[in-house]
C-alpha atoms as a PDB file:
ATOM      1  CA  MET A   1     -50.296-102.299-130.077  1.00  0.00           C
ATOM      2  CA  THR A   2     -53.065-100.901-132.293  1.00  0.00           C
ATOM      3  CA  ASN A   3     -54.752 -97.521-131.740  1.00  0.00           C
ATOM      4  CA  GLU A   4     -57.878 -99.364-130.612  1.00  0.00           C
ATOM      5  CA  GLU A   5     -55.876-101.310-128.011  1.00  0.00           C
ATOM      6  CA  HIS A   6     -54.248 -98.069-126.791  1.00  0.00           C
ATOM      7  CA  ALA A   7     -57.651 -96.404-126.477  1.00  0.00           C
ATOM      8  CA  LYS A   8     -58.989 -99.382-124.509  1.00  0.00           C
ATOM      9  CA  GLU A   9     -55.977 -99.280-122.154  1.00  0.00           C
ATOM     10  CA  CYS A  10     -56.453 -95.535-121.560  1.00  0.00           C
ATOM     11  CA  GLN A  11     -60.164 -96.034-120.898  1.00  0.00           C
ATOM     12  CA  GLU A  12     -59.414 -98.767-118.357  1.00  0.00           C
ATOM     13  CA  GLN A  13     -57.097 -96.407-116.464  1.00  0.00           C
ATOM     14  CA  LEU A  14     -59.734 -93.652-116.392  1.00  0.00           C
ATOM     15  CA  LYS A  15     -62.354 -96.111-115.127  1.00  0.00           C
ATOM     16  CA  LYS A  16     -60.295 -96.380-111.925  1.00  0.00           C
ATOM     17  CA  LEU A  17     -61.637 -92.905-111.067  1.00  0.00           C
ATOM     18  CA  LYS A  18     -65.241 -94.162-110.940  1.00  0.00           C
ATOM     19  CA  GLY A  19     -66.734 -94.002-107.479  1.00  0.00           C
ATOM     20  CA  LYS A  20     -63.942 -91.858-106.094  1.00  0.00           C
ATOM     21  CA  LYS A  21     -64.362 -88.292-104.938  1.00  0.00           C
ATOM     22  CA  VAL A  22     -62.190 -85.834-106.874  1.00  0.00           C
ATOM     23  CA  ILE A  23     -60.656 -83.472-104.321  1.00  0.00           C
ATOM     24  CA  ASP A  24     -58.356 -81.425-106.566  1.00  0.00           C
ATOM     25  CA  CYS A  25     -56.847 -81.339-110.014  1.00  0.00           C
ATOM     26  CA  SER A  26     -54.035 -79.412-111.632  1.00  0.00           C
ATOM     27  CA  PHE A  27     -52.234 -79.174-114.927  1.00  0.00           C
ATOM     28  CA  ARG A  28     -48.549 -78.568-115.619  1.00  0.00           C
ATOM     29  CA  ALA A  29     -46.801 -78.057-118.975  1.00  0.00           C
ATOM     30  CA  TYR A  30     -43.154 -78.956-119.537  1.00  0.00           C
ATOM     31  CA  ASP A  31     -40.458 -77.586-121.849  1.00  0.00           C
ATOM     32  CA  ASN A  32     -40.383 -80.794-123.877  1.00  0.00           C
ATOM     33  CA  ASN A  33     -43.917 -80.057-125.181  1.00  0.00           C
ATOM     34  CA  CYS A  34     -45.429 -82.600-122.785  1.00  0.00           C
ATOM     35  CA  TRP A  35     -47.886 -81.954-119.976  1.00  0.00           C
ATOM     36  CA  ARG A  36     -49.263 -83.664-116.903  1.00  0.00           C
ATOM     37  CA  LEU A  37     -52.748 -83.758-115.480  1.00  0.00           C
ATOM     38  CA  TYR A  38     -52.851 -84.444-111.727  1.00  0.00           C
ATOM     39  CA  ILE A  39     -56.176 -85.723-110.347  1.00  0.00           C
ATOM     40  CA  VAL A  40     -56.285 -86.067-106.562  1.00  0.00           C
ATOM     41  CA  THR A  41     -59.056 -88.273-105.187  1.00  0.00           C
ATOM     42  CA  ASP A  42     -60.076 -89.396-101.725  1.00  0.00           C
ATOM     43  CA  ASP A  43     -58.167 -92.621-102.424  1.00  0.00           C
ATOM     44  CA  GLY A  44     -54.975 -91.351-104.068  1.00  0.00           C
ATOM     45  CA  LYS A  45     -53.650 -89.487-107.073  1.00  0.00           C
ATOM     46  CA  LEU A  46     -53.853 -90.253-110.777  1.00  0.00           C
ATOM     47  CA  VAL A  47     -51.165 -88.629-112.937  1.00  0.00           C
ATOM     48  CA  MET A  48     -51.607 -88.667-116.706  1.00  0.00           C
ATOM     49  CA  THR A  49     -48.601 -87.600-118.799  1.00  0.00           C
ATOM     50  CA  PHE A  50     -49.252 -86.628-122.407  1.00  0.00           C
ATOM     51  CA  CYS A  51     -46.684 -86.003-125.152  1.00  0.00           C
ATOM     52  CA  PRO A  52     -47.515 -85.195-128.783  1.00  0.00           C
ATOM     53  CA  ASP A  53     -45.695 -88.210-130.225  1.00  0.00           C
ATOM     54  CA  TRP A  54     -47.301 -90.706-127.816  1.00  0.00           C
ATOM     55  CA  SER A  55     -50.432 -92.506-128.937  1.00  0.00           C
ATOM     56  CA  CYS A  56     -51.670 -92.854-125.347  1.00  0.00           C
ATOM     57  CA  PRO A  57     -50.884 -91.027-122.109  1.00  0.00           C
ATOM     58  CA  VAL A  58     -48.739 -92.665-119.469  1.00  0.00           C
ATOM     59  CA  VAL A  59     -50.817 -93.143-116.332  1.00  0.00           C
ATOM     60  CA  GLU A  60     -49.461 -93.448-112.796  1.00  0.00           C
ATOM     61  CA  HIS A  61     -51.468 -94.215-109.667  1.00  0.00           C
ATOM     62  CA  HIS A  62     -50.237 -93.051-106.279  1.00  0.00           C
ATOM     63  CA  GLU A  63     -51.569 -93.752-102.797  1.00  0.00           C
ATOM     64  CA  ALA A  64     -53.254 -90.878-101.005  1.00  0.00           C
ATOM     65  CA  HIS A  65     -50.784 -88.080-100.204  1.00  0.00           C
ATOM     66  CA  HIS A  66     -53.137 -85.098-100.180  1.00  0.00           C
ATOM     67  CA  ASP A  67     -50.686 -82.685 -98.566  1.00  0.00           C
ATOM     68  CA  GLU A  68     -48.087 -82.980-101.324  1.00  0.00           C
ATOM     69  CA  ASP A  69     -47.821 -80.601-104.265  1.00  0.00           C
ATOM     70  CA  PRO A  70     -47.794 -82.057-107.788  1.00  0.00           C
ATOM     71  CA  GLU A  71     -44.340 -83.214-108.820  1.00  0.00           C
END
């Protein structure tokens, strides 16, 4: 996959936030030099995991579980 294709895929994942109300967000770093951005919306949670050697973050979507702490 080219860099342009990776960028398009990342953009498509972020577009899923449009129209949703962001309730909370948090950031957590890990020992392996990676980090996660947790975005909690009124419709669920978006988790983006970034590592320096990845060309694009891994994105996970979770159903609404507003009472849970980030993993």
